[in-house]
Amino acid sequence: MKRILLAAWHLLRAPSAAVGATILLLVLGAAATASWLFPDDPLEMVGAPFTWPGEDASFPAGTDLMGRNILAGLFHGARVSLLVGGASAAIALVIGLLVGAFAGYAGPRTDAVLMRITELFQTVPSFLLAIVLVAILGPSLSTIIFALGVTSWTGIARLTRGEFISLREREFVRAAQTLGAGHARIIFREILPNALPPIIVTTAVLVAQAILSEAGLSFLGLGDPNVVSWGSMVGAGREALRTAWYMTALPGLTIMATVLALNLLSDAINDALNPKLRRHRVRAATAPAQ
């Protein structure tokens, strides 16, 4: 508990955490208030096409080439991006934790089999595999979440395996074995909680990667046609890139800001949970210039 409170205190003091949390709260706020502020379907044509931001007070961010409200699309797109990022990262986290935990704890034979499976997935680029899965199963929100989740778990698995290998010979694990604790209790109650800090940091990066991947799929026309997303907005606006660049710039900047916020938070969490790294950075920042 003392370690958690100390990490939380350092996290609250980190400027990068404050910036990342502020941006992420704004995105969460947009997703939460999308239906209240923009109750109509964001895919409906509600105004004149090619209305620039600031030109019409009814459409502060302008309209796209089909006359759809860009601001409504940004708010509703926040829901899709956060849903895809969070859900696919959760799928990858569960698969990666299970594979990595059993590979690092069960012994060399199980480790060898599970790592060969992991390497098999790593031989194919995850985004390319996601494209193939979505193309086969059909472009829907659930398919995209599934495809991104089952193609991005390998990093978590390798990280979890390394943590389990380093922790399974520790004194508290030996003590639990001596007291007759079962394998499941040792894995999930003794080792896993101590292996979580680096996994939490990696999960934040996974969410950012999933948001980028969903945007890439939507840009390529493999997004769910029944929902609006930031990637589909960028893809729709590329046809008018020369004459109305704001159609791609606004959702593109929103994607960039969200991914930046998640990366800033992951760095701050890593510093808070890793005292040695934090002290090293402090020394580097305060060292006199040569």
Protein backbone atom coordinates (compact mmCIF):
# COMPACT_ATOMS: atom_id res chain seq x y z
CA MET A 1 0.00 0.00 0.00
CA LYS A 2 2.83 2.39 0.83
CA ARG A 3 4.44 1.71 -2.55
CA ILE A 4 1.15 2.39 -4.34
CA LEU A 5 0.60 5.67 -2.48
CA LEU A 6 4.16 6.78 -3.21
CA ALA A 7 3.76 5.95 -6.89
CA ALA A 8 0.45 7.83 -7.01
CA TRP A 9 2.08 10.87 -5.38
CA HIS A 10 4.89 10.92 -7.95
CA LEU A 11 2.34 10.43 -10.75
CA LEU A 12 0.31 13.44 -9.61
CA ARG A 13 3.45 15.59 -9.53
CA ALA A 14 4.57 14.66 -13.05
CA PRO A 15 3.89 17.43 -15.62
CA SER A 16 3.55 14.85 -18.42
CA ALA A 17 0.86 13.05 -16.44
CA ALA A 18 -1.06 16.32 -15.96
CA VAL A 19 -0.91 17.15 -19.67
CA GLY A 20 -1.83 13.62 -20.75
CA ALA A 21 -4.65 13.33 -18.22
CA THR A 22 -6.08 16.71 -19.24
CA ILE A 23 -6.19 15.78 -22.92
CA LEU A 24 -7.60 12.35 -22.17
CA LEU A 25 -10.30 13.81 -19.91
CA LEU A 26 -11.33 16.17 -22.71
CA VAL A 27 -11.64 13.21 -25.10
CA LEU A 28 -13.60 11.22 -22.51
CA GLY A 29 -15.83 14.23 -21.94
CA ALA A 30 -16.49 14.52 -25.67
CA ALA A 31 -17.40 10.82 -25.84
CA ALA A 32 -19.68 11.08 -22.81
CA THR A 33 -21.57 14.16 -24.03
CA ALA A 34 -21.77 13.26 -27.74
CA SER A 35 -25.40 12.07 -27.64
CA TRP A 36 -26.45 15.04 -25.50
CA LEU A 37 -24.76 17.76 -27.56
CA PHE A 38 -25.36 16.09 -30.93
CA PRO A 39 -28.42 13.82 -30.60
CA ASP A 40 -28.87 13.38 -34.36
CA ASP A 41 -27.05 10.82 -36.47
CA PRO A 42 -23.56 12.23 -37.20
CA LEU A 43 -23.70 10.58 -40.64
CA GLU A 44 -26.71 12.69 -41.68
CA MET A 45 -26.29 15.57 -44.13
CA VAL A 46 -27.28 18.64 -42.12
CA GLY A 47 -25.76 21.60 -44.00
CA ALA A 48 -24.16 22.85 -47.14
CA PRO A 49 -21.05 20.92 -48.17
CA PHE A 50 -17.59 22.45 -47.87
CA THR A 51 -18.51 24.89 -45.08
CA TRP A 52 -15.21 26.02 -43.55
CA PRO A 53 -14.71 26.25 -39.75
CA GLY A 54 -16.01 29.58 -38.47
CA GLU A 55 -18.00 30.30 -41.60
CA ASP A 56 -21.34 29.22 -40.11
CA ALA A 57 -22.07 29.46 -36.37
CA SER A 58 -24.24 26.35 -36.60
CA PHE A 59 -21.17 24.31 -37.62
CA PRO A 60 -18.15 25.60 -35.64
CA ALA A 61 -15.82 22.98 -37.18
CA GLY A 62 -17.42 23.18 -40.61
CA THR A 63 -19.00 20.49 -42.74
CA ASP A 64 -17.46 17.83 -44.97
CA LEU A 65 -17.94 17.21 -48.68
CA MET A 66 -21.31 15.53 -47.94
CA GLY A 67 -22.60 18.31 -45.68
CA ARG A 68 -22.11 16.38 -42.43
CA ASN A 69 -21.28 18.19 -39.20
CA ILE A 70 -17.56 17.67 -38.54
CA LEU A 71 -17.79 18.61 -34.84
CA ALA A 72 -20.54 16.03 -34.31
CA GLY A 73 -18.34 13.48 -36.06
CA LEU A 74 -15.40 14.30 -33.79
CA PHE A 75 -17.53 13.87 -30.65
CA HIS A 76 -19.17 10.63 -31.78
CA GLY A 77 -15.87 9.39 -33.21
CA ALA A 78 -14.31 9.72 -29.75
CA ARG A 79 -16.70 7.00 -28.56
CA VAL A 80 -15.67 4.63 -31.33
CA SER A 81 -11.94 5.25 -30.91
CA LEU A 82 -11.99 4.85 -27.12
CA LEU A 83 -14.21 1.77 -27.34
CA VAL A 84 -11.99 0.10 -29.91
CA GLY A 85 -8.81 1.09 -28.07
CA GLY A 86 -9.99 -0.06 -24.65
CA ALA A 87 -11.76 -3.26 -25.72
CA SER A 88 -9.04 -4.50 -28.06
CA ALA A 89 -6.35 -3.70 -25.48
CA ALA A 90 -8.35 -5.69 -22.90
CA ILE A 91 -8.51 -8.71 -25.24
CA ALA A 92 -4.78 -8.47 -25.93
CA LEU A 93 -4.08 -8.07 -22.21
CA VAL A 94 -6.04 -11.19 -21.25
CA ILE A 95 -4.45 -13.35 -23.97
CA GLY A 96 -0.97 -11.99 -23.31
CA LEU A 97 -1.24 -12.42 -19.54
CA LEU A 98 -2.43 -16.02 -19.79
CA VAL A 99 0.17 -17.04 -22.39
CA GLY A 100 3.02 -15.21 -20.67
CA ALA A 101 2.11 -16.37 -17.18
CA PHE A 102 1.93 -20.06 -18.10
CA ALA A 103 5.04 -19.83 -20.28
CA GLY A 104 7.07 -18.26 -17.49
CA TYR A 105 5.77 -20.46 -14.69
CA ALA A 106 5.02 -23.92 -16.09
CA GLY A 107 8.50 -24.97 -17.16
CA PRO A 108 10.71 -25.30 -20.25
CA ARG A 109 8.44 -27.54 -22.34
CA THR A 110 5.34 -25.41 -21.98
CA ASP A 111 7.48 -22.31 -22.37
CA ALA A 112 8.93 -23.60 -25.65
CA VAL A 113 5.51 -24.45 -27.13
CA LEU A 114 3.88 -21.15 -26.14
CA MET A 115 6.85 -19.07 -27.31
CA ARG A 116 6.83 -20.81 -30.70
CA ILE A 117 3.15 -19.87 -31.04
CA THR A 118 4.00 -16.32 -30.04
CA GLU A 119 6.81 -16.15 -32.59
CA LEU A 120 4.42 -17.46 -35.25
CA PHE A 121 2.12 -14.50 -34.63
CA GLN A 122 5.10 -12.14 -34.63
CA THR A 123 6.27 -13.25 -38.06
CA VAL A 124 3.23 -11.57 -39.64
CA PRO A 125 2.83 -7.79 -39.19
CA SER A 126 -0.06 -7.27 -36.78
CA PHE A 127 -1.74 -4.57 -38.87
CA LEU A 128 -1.58 -6.72 -42.00
CA LEU A 129 -3.11 -9.65 -40.11
CA ALA A 130 -5.84 -7.35 -38.80
CA ILE A 131 -6.62 -6.24 -42.36
CA VAL A 132 -6.95 -9.88 -43.45
CA LEU A 133 -9.23 -10.76 -40.52
CA VAL A 134 -11.50 -7.75 -41.05
CA ALA A 135 -11.66 -8.42 -44.80
CA ILE A 136 -12.66 -12.05 -44.15
CA LEU A 137 -15.07 -11.52 -41.26
CA GLY A 138 -16.58 -8.28 -42.53
CA PRO A 139 -16.07 -4.66 -41.46
CA SER A 140 -17.98 -4.19 -38.22
CA LEU A 141 -17.06 -2.68 -34.87
CA SER A 142 -16.95 -6.06 -33.11
CA THR A 143 -14.82 -7.54 -35.89
CA ILE A 144 -12.34 -4.66 -35.68
CA ILE A 145 -12.06 -5.02 -31.90
CA PHE A 146 -11.54 -8.77 -32.22
CA ALA A 147 -8.98 -8.43 -35.03
CA LEU A 148 -6.92 -5.81 -33.21
CA GLY A 149 -7.12 -7.71 -29.92
CA VAL A 150 -5.94 -11.08 -31.24
CA THR A 151 -3.08 -9.54 -33.24
CA SER A 152 -1.48 -7.37 -30.55
CA TRP A 153 -1.01 -9.65 -27.54
CA THR A 154 2.51 -10.89 -28.29
CA GLY A 155 4.33 -8.01 -26.62
CA ILE A 156 2.33 -8.45 -23.41
CA ALA A 157 2.99 -12.20 -23.48
CA ARG A 158 6.77 -11.78 -23.75
CA LEU A 159 6.83 -9.10 -21.06
CA THR A 160 4.72 -11.20 -18.69
CA ARG A 161 6.87 -14.27 -19.34
CA GLY A 162 10.03 -12.35 -18.47
CA GLU A 163 8.52 -11.03 -15.25
CA PHE A 164 7.31 -14.49 -14.21
CA ILE A 165 10.71 -16.06 -14.88
CA SER A 166 12.40 -13.44 -12.70
CA LEU A 167 9.83 -13.70 -9.90
CA ARG A 168 9.09 -17.44 -9.67
CA GLU A 169 12.25 -18.16 -7.67
CA ARG A 170 11.73 -15.35 -5.15
CA GLU A 171 11.36 -16.02 -1.43
CA PHE A 172 7.65 -15.15 -1.24
CA VAL A 173 6.89 -17.69 -4.00
CA ARG A 174 8.92 -20.36 -2.21
CA ALA A 175 7.07 -19.56 1.00
CA ALA A 176 3.69 -19.94 -0.70
CA GLN A 177 4.77 -23.29 -2.17
CA THR A 178 5.94 -24.45 1.26
CA LEU A 179 2.57 -23.54 2.74
CA GLY A 180 0.85 -25.74 0.15
CA ALA A 181 -0.57 -23.05 -2.13
CA GLY A 182 -1.83 -24.34 -5.49
CA HIS A 183 -0.43 -23.27 -8.83
CA ALA A 184 -3.39 -21.02 -9.63
CA ARG A 185 -3.03 -19.16 -6.32
CA ILE A 186 0.71 -18.72 -6.82
CA ILE A 187 0.24 -17.43 -10.37
CA PHE A 188 -2.68 -15.07 -9.81
CA ARG A 189 -2.26 -14.08 -6.15
CA GLU A 190 1.50 -14.09 -5.59
CA ILE A 191 3.42 -13.53 -8.84
CA LEU A 192 0.99 -11.61 -11.08
CA PRO A 193 0.42 -8.63 -8.73
CA ASN A 194 4.19 -8.12 -8.52
CA ALA A 195 4.52 -8.33 -12.31
CA LEU A 196 1.82 -5.77 -13.06
CA PRO A 197 3.72 -2.39 -13.06
CA PRO A 198 5.45 -2.81 -16.46
CA ILE A 199 2.34 -4.49 -17.86
CA ILE A 200 0.18 -1.48 -16.89
CA VAL A 201 2.57 0.83 -18.73
CA THR A 202 2.49 -1.35 -21.84
CA THR A 203 -1.32 -1.52 -21.76
CA ALA A 204 -1.57 2.26 -22.10
CA VAL A 205 0.63 2.05 -25.18
CA LEU A 206 -1.56 -0.78 -26.52
CA VAL A 207 -4.64 1.45 -26.31
CA ALA A 208 -2.84 4.14 -28.30
CA GLN A 209 -1.73 1.61 -30.92
CA ALA A 210 -5.27 0.26 -31.22
CA ILE A 211 -6.66 3.76 -31.80
CA LEU A 212 -4.09 4.31 -34.57
CA SER A 213 -4.80 0.90 -36.10
CA GLU A 214 -8.56 1.51 -36.11
CA ALA A 215 -7.97 4.84 -37.79
CA GLY A 216 -5.80 3.09 -40.38
CA LEU A 217 -8.45 0.44 -41.06
CA SER A 218 -11.18 3.06 -41.41
CA PHE A 219 -8.94 5.14 -43.68
CA LEU A 220 -8.54 2.09 -45.93
CA GLY A 221 -12.32 1.61 -46.08
CA LEU A 222 -12.39 -1.33 -43.66
CA GLY A 223 -14.15 0.51 -40.85
CA ASP A 224 -17.73 -0.03 -39.73
CA PRO A 225 -19.88 1.90 -42.28
CA ASN A 226 -22.66 2.34 -39.70
CA VAL A 227 -20.60 4.44 -37.27
CA VAL A 228 -18.45 7.51 -37.66
CA SER A 229 -14.83 7.33 -36.56
CA TRP A 230 -11.85 9.64 -36.75
CA GLY A 231 -10.18 7.38 -39.29
CA SER A 232 -13.24 7.31 -41.57
CA MET A 233 -13.39 11.12 -41.38
CA VAL A 234 -9.76 11.35 -42.49
CA GLY A 235 -10.47 8.87 -45.28
CA ALA A 236 -13.53 10.80 -46.48
CA GLY A 237 -11.68 14.11 -46.41
CA ARG A 238 -8.72 12.96 -48.50
CA GLU A 239 -10.78 13.41 -51.67
CA ALA A 240 -10.87 17.15 -50.96
CA LEU A 241 -7.41 17.46 -49.45
CA ARG A 242 -6.27 20.24 -51.78
CA THR A 243 -9.37 22.41 -51.52
CA ALA A 244 -10.61 21.66 -47.97
CA TRP A 245 -7.69 20.38 -45.91
CA TYR A 246 -9.54 20.99 -42.63
CA MET A 247 -11.63 17.84 -43.23
CA THR A 248 -8.58 15.66 -42.68
CA ALA A 249 -6.63 17.99 -40.39
CA LEU A 250 -9.22 18.19 -37.60
CA PRO A 251 -9.74 14.44 -37.07
CA GLY A 252 -6.04 13.85 -37.70
CA LEU A 253 -5.07 16.32 -34.97
CA THR A 254 -7.61 14.69 -32.63
CA ILE A 255 -6.03 11.28 -33.21
CA MET A 256 -2.55 12.74 -32.65
CA ALA A 257 -3.59 14.46 -29.41
CA THR A 258 -5.23 11.32 -28.00
CA VAL A 259 -2.28 9.08 -28.84
CA LEU A 260 0.11 11.70 -27.41
CA ALA A 261 -1.92 11.83 -24.18
CA LEU A 262 -1.79 8.06 -23.75
CA ASN A 263 1.96 7.99 -24.39
CA LEU A 264 2.56 10.80 -21.90
CA LEU A 265 0.51 8.94 -19.30
CA SER A 266 2.37 5.70 -19.93
CA ASP A 267 5.73 7.46 -19.48
CA ALA A 268 4.54 9.10 -16.27
CA ILE A 269 3.21 5.80 -14.91
CA ASN A 270 6.48 4.12 -15.79
CA ASP A 271 8.43 6.80 -13.88
CA ALA A 272 6.09 6.54 -10.89
CA LEU A 273 6.33 2.75 -10.70
CA ASN A 274 10.07 2.60 -11.40
CA PRO A 275 11.99 4.56 -8.74
CA LYS A 276 15.39 3.67 -10.23
CA LEU A 277 14.45 5.11 -13.61
CA ARG A 278 13.02 8.22 -11.93
CA ARG A 279 16.23 8.83 -9.96
CA HIS A 280 18.32 8.32 -13.10
CA ARG A 281 16.29 10.94 -14.99
CA VAL A 282 16.53 13.39 -12.11
CA ARG A 283 20.33 12.98 -12.02
CA ALA A 284 20.54 13.43 -15.79
CA ALA A 285 18.43 16.57 -15.64
CA THR A 286 20.41 18.15 -12.80
CA ALA A 287 23.88 17.12 -13.97
CA PRO A 288 26.10 20.08 -15.02
CA ALA A 289 26.73 20.43 -18.72
CA GLN A 290 30.14 19.31 -19.91
